[in-house]
C-alpha atoms as a PDB file:
ATOM      1  CA  UNK A   1       0.000   0.000   0.000  1.00  0.00           C
ATOM      2  CA  UNK A   2       1.722   3.161  -1.220  1.00  0.00           C
ATOM      3  CA  UNK A   3      -1.103   5.665  -1.596  1.00  0.00           C
ATOM      4  CA  UNK A   4      -1.608   4.998  -5.315  1.00  0.00           C
ATOM      5  CA  UNK A   5      -4.339   3.349  -7.355  1.00  0.00           C
ATOM      6  CA  UNK A   6      -3.416  -0.157  -8.443  1.00  0.00           C
ATOM      7  CA  UNK A   7      -5.602  -2.366 -10.631  1.00  0.00           C
ATOM      8  CA  UNK A   8      -5.059  -6.093 -11.144  1.00  0.00           C
ATOM      9  CA  UNK A   9      -7.286  -7.001 -14.077  1.00  0.00           C
ATOM     10  CA  UNK A  10      -9.121 -10.211 -14.847  1.00  0.00           C
ATOM     11  CA  UNK A  11      -6.478 -12.868 -15.449  1.00  0.00           C
ATOM     12  CA  UNK A  12      -5.642 -14.168 -18.900  1.00  0.00           C
ATOM     13  CA  UNK A  13      -6.342 -10.980 -20.840  1.00  0.00           C
ATOM     14  CA  UNK A  14      -2.871  -9.403 -20.849  1.00  0.00           C
ATOM     15  CA  UNK A  15       0.145 -11.179 -22.305  1.00  0.00           C
ATOM     16  CA  UNK A  16       2.629 -12.465 -19.735  1.00  0.00           C
ATOM     17  CA  UNK A  17       5.464 -12.576 -22.261  1.00  0.00           C
ATOM     18  CA  UNK A  18       8.624 -11.190 -20.703  1.00  0.00           C
ATOM     19  CA  UNK A  19       7.308 -11.252 -17.140  1.00  0.00           C
ATOM     20  CA  UNK A  20       9.944 -13.222 -15.203  1.00  0.00           C
ATOM     21  CA  UNK A  21      10.853 -15.589 -18.030  1.00  0.00           C
ATOM     22  CA  UNK A  22       7.311 -16.236 -19.162  1.00  0.00           C
ATOM     23  CA  UNK A  23       6.659 -16.834 -22.843  1.00  0.00           C
ATOM     24  CA  UNK A  24       3.062 -15.631 -22.993  1.00  0.00           C
ATOM     25  CA  UNK A  25       1.823 -19.145 -23.730  1.00  0.00           C
ATOM     26  CA  UNK A  26       1.092 -19.980 -20.094  1.00  0.00           C
ATOM     27  CA  UNK A  27      -2.514 -21.080 -19.686  1.00  0.00           C
ATOM     28  CA  UNK A  28      -2.932 -21.285 -15.927  1.00  0.00           C
ATOM     29  CA  UNK A  29      -0.986 -18.599 -14.065  1.00  0.00           C
ATOM     30  CA  UNK A  30      -1.648 -16.109 -11.290  1.00  0.00           C
ATOM     31  CA  UNK A  31       0.617 -13.594 -12.980  1.00  0.00           C
ATOM     32  CA  UNK A  32      -0.810 -10.640 -14.855  1.00  0.00           C
ATOM     33  CA  UNK A  33       0.328  -7.117 -15.614  1.00  0.00           C
ATOM     34  CA  UNK A  34      -1.716  -4.232 -14.240  1.00  0.00           C
ATOM     35  CA  UNK A  35      -1.764  -0.488 -13.741  1.00  0.00           C
ATOM     36  CA  UNK A  36      -0.449   1.805 -11.017  1.00  0.00           C
ATOM     37  CA  UNK A  37      -1.582   5.419 -11.225  1.00  0.00           C
ATOM     38  CA  UNK A  38      -1.923   8.497  -9.057  1.00  0.00           C
ATOM     39  CA  UNK A  39      -5.456   9.141 -10.218  1.00  0.00           C
ATOM     40  CA  UNK A  40      -8.311   6.747 -10.894  1.00  0.00           C
ATOM     41  CA  UNK A  41      -9.168   8.402 -14.210  1.00  0.00           C
ATOM     42  CA  UNK A  42      -5.865   7.114 -15.614  1.00  0.00           C
ATOM     43  CA  UNK A  43      -6.564   3.436 -14.895  1.00  0.00           C
ATOM     44  CA  UNK A  44      -8.721   2.744 -17.949  1.00  0.00           C
ATOM     45  CA  UNK A  45      -6.498   4.458 -20.590  1.00  0.00           C
ATOM     46  CA  UNK A  46      -3.423   2.548 -19.400  1.00  0.00           C
ATOM     47  CA  UNK A  47      -5.406  -0.674 -19.047  1.00  0.00           C
ATOM     48  CA  UNK A  48      -6.593  -0.404 -22.647  1.00  0.00           C
ATOM     49  CA  UNK A  49      -2.992  -0.207 -23.833  1.00  0.00           C
ATOM     50  CA  UNK A  50      -2.077  -3.354 -21.893  1.00  0.00           C
ATOM     51  CA  UNK A  51      -5.159  -5.247 -23.075  1.00  0.00           C
ATOM     52  CA  UNK A  52      -4.670  -4.612 -26.776  1.00  0.00           C
ATOM     53  CA  UNK A  53      -7.273  -6.508 -28.797  1.00  0.00           C
ATOM     54  CA  UNK A  54      -8.636  -8.112 -25.626  1.00  0.00           C
ATOM     55  CA  UNK A  55     -10.038  -4.744 -24.584  1.00  0.00           C
ATOM     56  CA  UNK A  56     -13.306  -5.875 -26.187  1.00  0.00           C
ATOM     57  CA  UNK A  57     -13.673  -8.552 -23.505  1.00  0.00           C
ATOM     58  CA  UNK A  58     -14.116  -5.875 -20.833  1.00  0.00           C
ATOM     59  CA  UNK A  59     -16.842  -3.232 -20.850  1.00  0.00           C
ATOM     60  CA  UNK A  60     -14.546  -0.465 -19.663  1.00  0.00           C
ATOM     61  CA  UNK A  61     -16.531   2.311 -21.345  1.00  0.00           C
ATOM     62  CA  UNK A  62     -19.910   1.121 -20.107  1.00  0.00           C
ATOM     63  CA  UNK A  63     -21.748   3.917 -18.234  1.00  0.00           C
ATOM     64  CA  UNK A  64     -22.031   2.990 -14.560  1.00  0.00           C
ATOM     65  CA  UNK A  65     -24.389   4.355 -11.946  1.00  0.00           C
ATOM     66  CA  UNK A  66     -22.354   3.691  -8.823  1.00  0.00           C
ATOM     67  CA  UNK A  67     -25.424   4.110  -6.643  1.00  0.00           C
ATOM     68  CA  UNK A  68     -26.918   0.990  -8.229  1.00  0.00           C
ATOM     69  CA  UNK A  69     -23.901  -1.255  -7.617  1.00  0.00           C
ATOM     70  CA  UNK A  70     -24.431  -3.917  -4.968  1.00  0.00           C
ATOM     71  CA  UNK A  71     -21.777  -3.459  -2.277  1.00  0.00           C
ATOM     72  CA  UNK A  72     -20.547  -6.246  -0.009  1.00  0.00           C
ATOM     73  CA  UNK A  73     -17.879  -5.951   2.656  1.00  0.00           C
ATOM     74  CA  UNK A  74     -15.670  -7.982   4.958  1.00  0.00           C
ATOM     75  CA  UNK A  75     -13.551  -6.817   7.885  1.00  0.00           C
ATOM     76  CA  UNK A  76     -12.008 -10.116   8.913  1.00  0.00           C
ATOM     77  CA  UNK A  77      -9.590 -12.161   6.804  1.00  0.00           C
ATOM     78  CA  UNK A  78      -9.785 -14.917   9.427  1.00  0.00           C
ATOM     79  CA  UNK A  79      -6.135 -15.991   9.208  1.00  0.00           C
ATOM     80  CA  UNK A  80      -4.403 -15.832  12.623  1.00  0.00           C
ATOM     81  CA  UNK A  81      -1.012 -15.488  10.916  1.00  0.00           C
ATOM     82  CA  UNK A  82      -2.023 -12.069   9.581  1.00  0.00           C
ATOM     83  CA  UNK A  83      -1.731  -9.124  11.969  1.00  0.00           C
ATOM     84  CA  UNK A  84      -5.056  -8.060  13.533  1.00  0.00           C
ATOM     85  CA  UNK A  85      -6.917  -5.374  11.634  1.00  0.00           C
ATOM     86  CA  UNK A  86      -5.845  -1.971  12.942  1.00  0.00           C
ATOM     87  CA  UNK A  87      -8.303   0.638  14.160  1.00  0.00           C
ATOM     88  CA  UNK A  88      -7.629   3.056  11.318  1.00  0.00           C
ATOM     89  CA  UNK A  89      -8.037   0.393   8.626  1.00  0.00           C
ATOM     90  CA  UNK A  90     -11.281  -0.699  10.244  1.00  0.00           C
ATOM     91  CA  UNK A  91     -12.413   2.936  10.247  1.00  0.00           C
ATOM     92  CA  UNK A  92     -11.456   3.278   6.570  1.00  0.00           C
ATOM     93  CA  UNK A  93     -13.674   0.341   5.657  1.00  0.00           C
ATOM     94  CA  UNK A  94     -16.467   1.556   7.903  1.00  0.00           C
ATOM     95  CA  UNK A  95     -16.550   5.047   6.407  1.00  0.00           C
ATOM     96  CA  UNK A  96     -16.718   3.472   2.957  1.00  0.00           C
ATOM     97  CA  UNK A  97     -19.651   1.338   4.058  1.00  0.00           C
ATOM     98  CA  UNK A  98     -21.331   4.362   5.633  1.00  0.00           C
ATOM     99  CA  UNK A  99     -21.008   6.321   2.417  1.00  0.00           C
ATOM    100  CA  UNK A 100     -22.711   3.634   0.359  1.00  0.00           C
ATOM    101  CA  UNK A 101     -25.275   3.116   3.105  1.00  0.00           C
ATOM    102  CA  UNK A 102     -26.318   6.748   2.726  1.00  0.00           C
ATOM    103  CA  UNK A 103     -25.954   7.137  -1.023  1.00  0.00           C
ATOM    104  CA  UNK A 104     -26.816   3.807  -2.662  1.00  0.00           C
ATOM    105  CA  UNK A 105     -30.096   2.282  -3.685  1.00  0.00           C
ATOM    106  CA  UNK A 106     -28.988  -0.994  -2.076  1.00  0.00           C
ATOM    107  CA  UNK A 107     -27.659  -1.226   1.472  1.00  0.00           C
ATOM    108  CA  UNK A 108     -24.169  -2.772   1.803  1.00  0.00           C
ATOM    109  CA  UNK A 109     -24.171  -6.373   3.018  1.00  0.00           C
ATOM    110  CA  UNK A 110     -21.579  -8.291   5.009  1.00  0.00           C
ATOM    111  CA  UNK A 111     -20.235 -11.211   2.995  1.00  0.00           C
ATOM    112  CA  UNK A 112     -19.730 -14.412   4.946  1.00  0.00           C
ATOM    113  CA  UNK A 113     -16.673 -16.210   3.525  1.00  0.00           C
ATOM    114  CA  UNK A 114     -15.293 -18.590   6.178  1.00  0.00           C
ATOM    115  CA  UNK A 115     -12.914 -20.269   3.721  1.00  0.00           C
ATOM    116  CA  UNK A 116     -11.135 -17.007   2.980  1.00  0.00           C
ATOM    117  CA  UNK A 117      -9.000 -17.738   6.045  1.00  0.00           C
ATOM    118  CA  UNK A 118      -7.176 -20.276   3.875  1.00  0.00           C
ATOM    119  CA  UNK A 119      -6.187 -17.606   1.363  1.00  0.00           C
ATOM    120  CA  UNK A 120      -2.515 -17.764   2.288  1.00  0.00           C
ATOM    121  CA  UNK A 121      -2.392 -21.537   1.901  1.00  0.00           C
ATOM    122  CA  UNK A 122      -4.108 -21.306  -1.459  1.00  0.00           C
ATOM    123  CA  UNK A 123      -1.608 -18.708  -2.643  1.00  0.00           C
ATOM    124  CA  UNK A 124       1.291 -20.904  -1.458  1.00  0.00           C
ATOM    125  CA  UNK A 125      -0.003 -23.811  -3.503  1.00  0.00           C
ATOM    126  CA  UNK A 126      -0.564 -21.828  -6.682  1.00  0.00           C
ATOM    127  CA  UNK A 127       2.780 -20.091  -6.294  1.00  0.00           C
ATOM    128  CA  UNK A 128       4.405 -23.545  -6.266  1.00  0.00           C
ATOM    129  CA  UNK A 129       2.870 -24.101  -9.714  1.00  0.00           C
ATOM    130  CA  UNK A 130       4.579 -21.021 -11.145  1.00  0.00           C
ATOM    131  CA  UNK A 131       8.149 -20.787 -12.457  1.00  0.00           C
ATOM    132  CA  UNK A 132      10.930 -22.025 -10.162  1.00  0.00           C
ATOM    133  CA  UNK A 133      12.596 -19.061  -8.450  1.00  0.00           C
ATOM    134  CA  UNK A 134      15.694 -21.154  -7.709  1.00  0.00           C
ATOM    135  CA  UNK A 135      16.319 -21.277 -11.459  1.00  0.00           C
ATOM    136  CA  UNK A 136      15.085 -17.771 -12.190  1.00  0.00           C
ATOM    137  CA  UNK A 137      17.699 -16.322  -9.823  1.00  0.00           C
ATOM    138  CA  UNK A 138      20.452 -17.737 -12.030  1.00  0.00           C
ATOM    139  CA  UNK A 139      18.918 -16.475 -15.284  1.00  0.00           C
ATOM    140  CA  UNK A 140      17.952 -20.096 -15.952  1.00  0.00           C
ATOM    141  CA  UNK A 141      21.639 -21.009 -16.144  1.00  0.00           C
ATOM    142  CA  UNK A 142      21.556 -23.195 -13.044  1.00  0.00           C
ATOM    143  CA  UNK A 143      19.850 -23.384  -9.681  1.00  0.00           C
ATOM    144  CA  UNK A 144      20.621 -21.702  -6.360  1.00  0.00           C
ATOM    145  CA  UNK A 145      20.676 -23.658  -3.123  1.00  0.00           C
ATOM    146  CA  UNK A 146      18.223 -22.208  -0.570  1.00  0.00           C
ATOM    147  CA  UNK A 147      20.321 -23.566   2.297  1.00  0.00           C
ATOM    148  CA  UNK A 148      23.492 -21.974   0.943  1.00  0.00           C
ATOM    149  CA  UNK A 149      21.847 -18.614   0.248  1.00  0.00           C
ATOM    150  CA  UNK A 150      20.203 -18.471   3.678  1.00  0.00           C
ATOM    151  CA  UNK A 151      23.535 -19.171   5.352  1.00  0.00           C
ATOM    152  CA  UNK A 152      25.261 -16.556   3.184  1.00  0.00           C
ATOM    153  CA  UNK A 153      22.545 -14.035   4.006  1.00  0.00           C
ATOM    154  CA  UNK A 154      23.103 -14.301   7.746  1.00  0.00           C
ATOM    155  CA  UNK A 155      26.842 -13.998   7.148  1.00  0.00           C
ATOM    156  CA  UNK A 156      26.290 -10.858   5.091  1.00  0.00           C
ATOM    157  CA  UNK A 157      27.550 -12.531   1.915  1.00  0.00           C
ATOM    158  CA  UNK A 158      24.363 -13.111  -0.098  1.00  0.00           C
ATOM    159  CA  UNK A 159      23.596 -11.002  -3.160  1.00  0.00           C
ATOM    160  CA  UNK A 160      19.862 -11.418  -2.522  1.00  0.00           C
ATOM    161  CA  UNK A 161      17.668  -9.282  -0.278  1.00  0.00           C
ATOM    162  CA  UNK A 162      15.473 -10.417   2.599  1.00  0.00           C
ATOM    163  CA  UNK A 163      12.400 -10.630   0.345  1.00  0.00           C
ATOM    164  CA  UNK A 164      14.060 -13.163  -1.939  1.00  0.00           C
ATOM    165  CA  UNK A 165      15.426 -15.108   1.020  1.00  0.00           C
ATOM    166  CA  UNK A 166      11.914 -15.241   2.480  1.00  0.00           C
ATOM    167  CA  UNK A 167      10.606 -16.821  -0.724  1.00  0.00           C
ATOM    168  CA  UNK A 168      13.399 -19.394  -0.643  1.00  0.00           C
ATOM    169  CA  UNK A 169      12.516 -20.213   2.965  1.00  0.00           C
ATOM    170  CA  UNK A 170       8.865 -20.552   1.952  1.00  0.00           C
ATOM    171  CA  UNK A 171       9.822 -23.142  -0.656  1.00  0.00           C
ATOM    172  CA  UNK A 172      11.581 -25.199   2.011  1.00  0.00           C
ATOM    173  CA  UNK A 173       8.429 -25.482   4.113  1.00  0.00           C
ATOM    174  CA  UNK A 174       6.016 -28.424   3.677  1.00  0.00           C
ATOM    175  CA  UNK A 175       3.964 -28.062   0.505  1.00  0.00           C
ATOM    176  CA  UNK A 176       0.205 -27.592   0.553  1.00  0.00           C
ATOM    177  CA  UNK A 177      -1.967 -30.514  -0.500  1.00  0.00           C
ATOM    178  CA  UNK A 178      -2.674 -29.973  -4.196  1.00  0.00           C
ATOM    179  CA  UNK A 179      -6.049 -31.712  -4.400  1.00  0.00           C
ATOM    180  CA  UNK A 180      -7.325 -29.838  -1.346  1.00  0.00           C
ATOM    181  CA  UNK A 181      -6.027 -26.483  -2.601  1.00  0.00           C
ATOM    182  CA  UNK A 182      -7.512 -26.870  -6.070  1.00  0.00           C
ATOM    183  CA  UNK A 183     -10.899 -27.895  -4.715  1.00  0.00           C
ATOM    184  CA  UNK A 184     -11.044 -25.103  -2.131  1.00  0.00           C
ATOM    185  CA  UNK A 185      -9.907 -22.523  -4.686  1.00  0.00           C
ATOM    186  CA  UNK A 186     -12.777 -23.498  -6.969  1.00  0.00           C
ATOM    187  CA  UNK A 187     -15.291 -23.472  -4.110  1.00  0.00           C
ATOM    188  CA  UNK A 188     -14.217 -20.084  -2.739  1.00  0.00           C
ATOM    189  CA  UNK A 189     -13.996 -18.488  -6.168  1.00  0.00           C
ATOM    190  CA  UNK A 190     -17.421 -19.824  -7.141  1.00  0.00           C
ATOM    191  CA  UNK A 191     -18.942 -18.594  -3.867  1.00  0.00           C
ATOM    192  CA  UNK A 192     -17.616 -15.075  -4.416  1.00  0.00           C
ATOM    193  CA  UNK A 193     -18.485 -14.934  -8.115  1.00  0.00           C
ATOM    194  CA  UNK A 194     -22.016 -16.196  -7.471  1.00  0.00           C
ATOM    195  CA  UNK A 195     -22.562 -13.571  -4.783  1.00  0.00           C
ATOM    196  CA  UNK A 196     -21.058 -10.619  -6.657  1.00  0.00           C
ATOM    197  CA  UNK A 197     -22.542 -11.507 -10.023  1.00  0.00           C
ATOM    198  CA  UNK A 198     -22.436  -8.854 -12.737  1.00  0.00           C
ATOM    199  CA  UNK A 199     -23.299  -5.919 -10.483  1.00  0.00           C
ATOM    200  CA  UNK A 200     -21.494  -6.452  -7.187  1.00  0.00           C
ATOM    201  CA  UNK A 201     -18.207  -5.513  -5.539  1.00  0.00           C
ATOM    202  CA  UNK A 202     -16.518  -6.577  -2.323  1.00  0.00           C
ATOM    203  CA  UNK A 203     -14.874  -4.022  -0.032  1.00  0.00           C
ATOM    204  CA  UNK A 204     -11.879  -5.683   1.652  1.00  0.00           C
ATOM    205  CA  UNK A 205      -8.946  -4.497   3.807  1.00  0.00           C
ATOM    206  CA  UNK A 206      -5.981  -3.265   1.801  1.00  0.00           C
ATOM    207  CA  UNK A 207      -3.687  -4.422   4.618  1.00  0.00           C
ATOM    208  CA  UNK A 208      -3.959  -4.685   8.407  1.00  0.00           C
ATOM    209  CA  UNK A 209      -2.970  -1.026   8.670  1.00  0.00           C
ATOM    210  CA  UNK A 210      -1.659   1.969   6.744  1.00  0.00           C
ATOM    211  CA  UNK A 211       1.696   2.138   4.944  1.00  0.00           C
ATOM    212  CA  UNK A 212       4.668   1.015   7.046  1.00  0.00           C
ATOM    213  CA  UNK A 213       8.340   1.975   6.980  1.00  0.00           C
ATOM    214  CA  UNK A 214      10.376   0.592   4.086  1.00  0.00           C
ATOM    215  CA  UNK A 215      11.539  -3.027   4.508  1.00  0.00           C
ATOM    216  CA  UNK A 216       9.616  -3.565   7.757  1.00  0.00           C
ATOM    217  CA  UNK A 217       7.054  -5.727   5.947  1.00  0.00           C
ATOM    218  CA  UNK A 218       9.455  -8.666   6.241  1.00  0.00           C
ATOM    219  CA  UNK A 219       8.889  -8.614  10.002  1.00  0.00           C
ATOM    220  CA  UNK A 220       5.275  -9.630   9.360  1.00  0.00           C
ATOM    221  CA  UNK A 221       5.681 -11.805   6.255  1.00  0.00           C
ATOM    222  CA  UNK A 222       2.145 -13.199   6.189  1.00  0.00           C
ATOM    223  CA  UNK A 223       0.379  -9.846   5.974  1.00  0.00           C
ATOM    224  CA  UNK A 224       0.630  -9.869   2.200  1.00  0.00           C
ATOM    225  CA  UNK A 225      -1.911 -12.702   2.208  1.00  0.00           C
ATOM    226  CA  UNK A 226      -4.486  -9.876   2.447  1.00  0.00           C
ATOM    227  CA  UNK A 227      -4.017  -9.215  -1.250  1.00  0.00           C
ATOM    228  CA  UNK A 228      -2.326 -12.449  -2.389  1.00  0.00           C
ATOM    229  CA  UNK A 229      -5.679 -14.206  -2.071  1.00  0.00           C
ATOM    230  CA  UNK A 230      -6.990 -12.333  -5.124  1.00  0.00           C
ATOM    231  CA  UNK A 231      -4.023 -13.557  -7.147  1.00  0.00           C
ATOM    232  CA  UNK A 232      -4.847 -17.132  -6.181  1.00  0.00           C
ATOM    233  CA  UNK A 233      -8.531 -16.646  -7.038  1.00  0.00           C
ATOM    234  CA  UNK A 234      -7.695 -14.713 -10.226  1.00  0.00           C
ATOM    235  CA  UNK A 235     -10.281 -12.027  -9.599  1.00  0.00           C
ATOM    236  CA  UNK A 236     -10.000  -8.370 -10.659  1.00  0.00           C
ATOM    237  CA  UNK A 237      -9.231  -6.020  -7.793  1.00  0.00           C
ATOM    238  CA  UNK A 238      -8.465  -2.332  -7.381  1.00  0.00           C
ATOM    239  CA  UNK A 239      -6.399  -0.897  -4.552  1.00  0.00           C
ATOM    240  CA  UNK A 240      -8.054   2.404  -3.608  1.00  0.00           C
ATOM    241  CA  UNK A 241      -6.220   5.019  -1.508  1.00  0.00           C
ATOM    242  CA  UNK A 242      -8.478   6.850   0.938  1.00  0.00           C
ATOM    243  CA  UNK A 243      -6.155   9.697   1.830  1.00  0.00           C
ATOM    244  CA  UNK A 244      -3.932   9.662   4.917  1.00  0.00           C
ATOM    245  CA  UNK A 245      -4.267   8.264   8.425  1.00  0.00           C
ATOM    246  CA  UNK A 246      -3.700  10.187  11.667  1.00  0.00           C
ATOM    247  CA  UNK A 247       0.077   9.847  11.216  1.00  0.00           C
ATOM    248  CA  UNK A 248       0.027  11.230   7.690  1.00  0.00           C
ATOM    249  CA  UNK A 249       0.564   7.819   6.067  1.00  0.00           C
ATOM    250  CA  UNK A 250      -1.398   6.471   3.079  1.00  0.00           C
ATOM    251  CA  UNK A 251      -4.266   4.132   3.870  1.00  0.00           C
ATOM    252  CA  UNK A 252      -6.569   2.332   1.476  1.00  0.00           C
ATOM    253  CA  UNK A 253      -8.894  -0.543   0.760  1.00  0.00           C
ATOM    254  CA  UNK A 254      -9.390  -3.163  -1.940  1.00  0.00           C
ATOM    255  CA  UNK A 255     -12.406  -3.364  -4.228  1.00  0.00           C
ATOM    256  CA  UNK A 256     -12.955  -6.819  -5.735  1.00  0.00           C
ATOM    257  CA  UNK A 257     -15.309  -7.883  -8.529  1.00  0.00           C
ATOM    258  CA  UNK A 258     -16.204 -11.027 -10.468  1.00  0.00           C
ATOM    259  CA  UNK A 259     -14.207 -11.916 -13.620  1.00  0.00           C
ATOM    260  CA  UNK A 260     -14.653  -9.474 -16.518  1.00  0.00           C
ATOM    261  CA  UNK A 261     -16.381  -6.975 -14.224  1.00  0.00           C
ATOM    262  CA  UNK A 262     -13.306  -4.755 -13.887  1.00  0.00           C
ATOM    263  CA  UNK A 263     -15.392  -1.699 -14.756  1.00  0.00           C
ATOM    264  CA  UNK A 264     -17.234  -2.053 -11.435  1.00  0.00           C
ATOM    265  CA  UNK A 265     -14.007  -1.951  -9.389  1.00  0.00           C
ATOM    266  CA  UNK A 266     -12.812   1.072 -11.297  1.00  0.00           C
ATOM    267  CA  UNK A 267     -16.143   2.894 -11.048  1.00  0.00           C
ATOM    268  CA  UNK A 268     -16.185   2.451  -7.274  1.00  0.00           C
ATOM    269  CA  UNK A 269     -12.560   3.599  -7.106  1.00  0.00           C
ATOM    270  CA  UNK A 270     -13.430   6.802  -8.957  1.00  0.00           C
ATOM    271  CA  UNK A 271     -16.376   7.454  -6.666  1.00  0.00           C
ATOM    272  CA  UNK A 272     -14.320   6.943  -3.510  1.00  0.00           C
ATOM    273  CA  UNK A 273     -11.596   9.204  -4.878  1.00  0.00           C
ATOM    274  CA  UNK A 274     -14.127  12.017  -5.245  1.00  0.00           C
ATOM    275  CA  UNK A 275     -15.435  11.506  -1.725  1.00  0.00           C
ATOM    276  CA  UNK A 276     -12.279  10.774   0.287  1.00  0.00           C
ATOM    277  CA  UNK A 277      -9.500  12.395  -1.692  1.00  0.00           C
ATOM    278  CA  UNK A 278      -7.551   9.446  -3.093  1.00  0.00           C
ATOM    279  CA  UNK A 279      -3.867  10.104  -3.722  1.00  0.00           C
ATOM    280  CA  UNK A 280      -2.199  12.700  -1.498  1.00  0.00           C
ATOM    281  CA  UNK A 281       1.255  14.012  -2.566  1.00  0.00           C
ATOM    282  CA  UNK A 282       3.999  13.444   0.023  1.00  0.00           C
ATOM    283  CA  UNK A 283       4.745  17.165  -0.036  1.00  0.00           C
ATOM    284  CA  UNK A 284       3.276  20.282  -1.623  1.00  0.00           C
ATOM    285  CA  UNK A 285       4.734  21.673  -4.828  1.00  0.00           C
ATOM    286  CA  UNK A 286       5.423  25.335  -5.425  1.00  0.00           C
ATOM    287  CA  UNK A 287       3.801  25.962  -8.798  1.00  0.00           C
ATOM    288  CA  UNK A 288       5.066  29.520  -9.109  1.00  0.00           C
END
């Protein structure tokens, strides 16, 4: 969470060629390119460029009455490994709900998704089906040893940062059961898609709290499961900044939709930007 608008589109529409050794022929991958912009109005123009001919598969120019969108929400990700939801993040979600409560034709509804607590496990499984980082780190010229690199890291001799070392450690842990993960992924995805349909969005925490100091995320490595779940489920999602918290740090939420309903995420993002301010520059500029 960096105070910007980020949109991860429906999977499979943007070529993965060139993204960490991918050829573009991958059929089943979590990976997709997306947009990062200061302002919500720039999401669609950039997204159209990335989509190319597949732009016709999304109704990005469809007029949307935000007040008629069905809004669902969830405060709790249910995974005890993730840090508890902070007060300011909870308030950010609540003020979003309150806005739609007062300005929408349909009252926001809490979405009951007990299986979402397994989001981190599902991501771990699907990540194991992606390209092998041990080979990627050598430009596919060999394979690094996780044990060697971890030892070198603690001796100050590794060329890799703590983020990469964390991924190597993750690969050393017991793998998730594939049959279980595939079945639960399908069940959870189907539950969400059925509920959201073609006119619904889910408001979800962007993280347990507002932006943290650089590199401190590694101290709470499981917190990224908050947004990794949408990679595993391959659903479109927009990160929406809601201004700054009491400490002057960016804070924001996620808006999720069913596949090919990206326009709903983006429409809600634009509405929330108007109401709550969106991106806030880190310092003021003298325009004189």
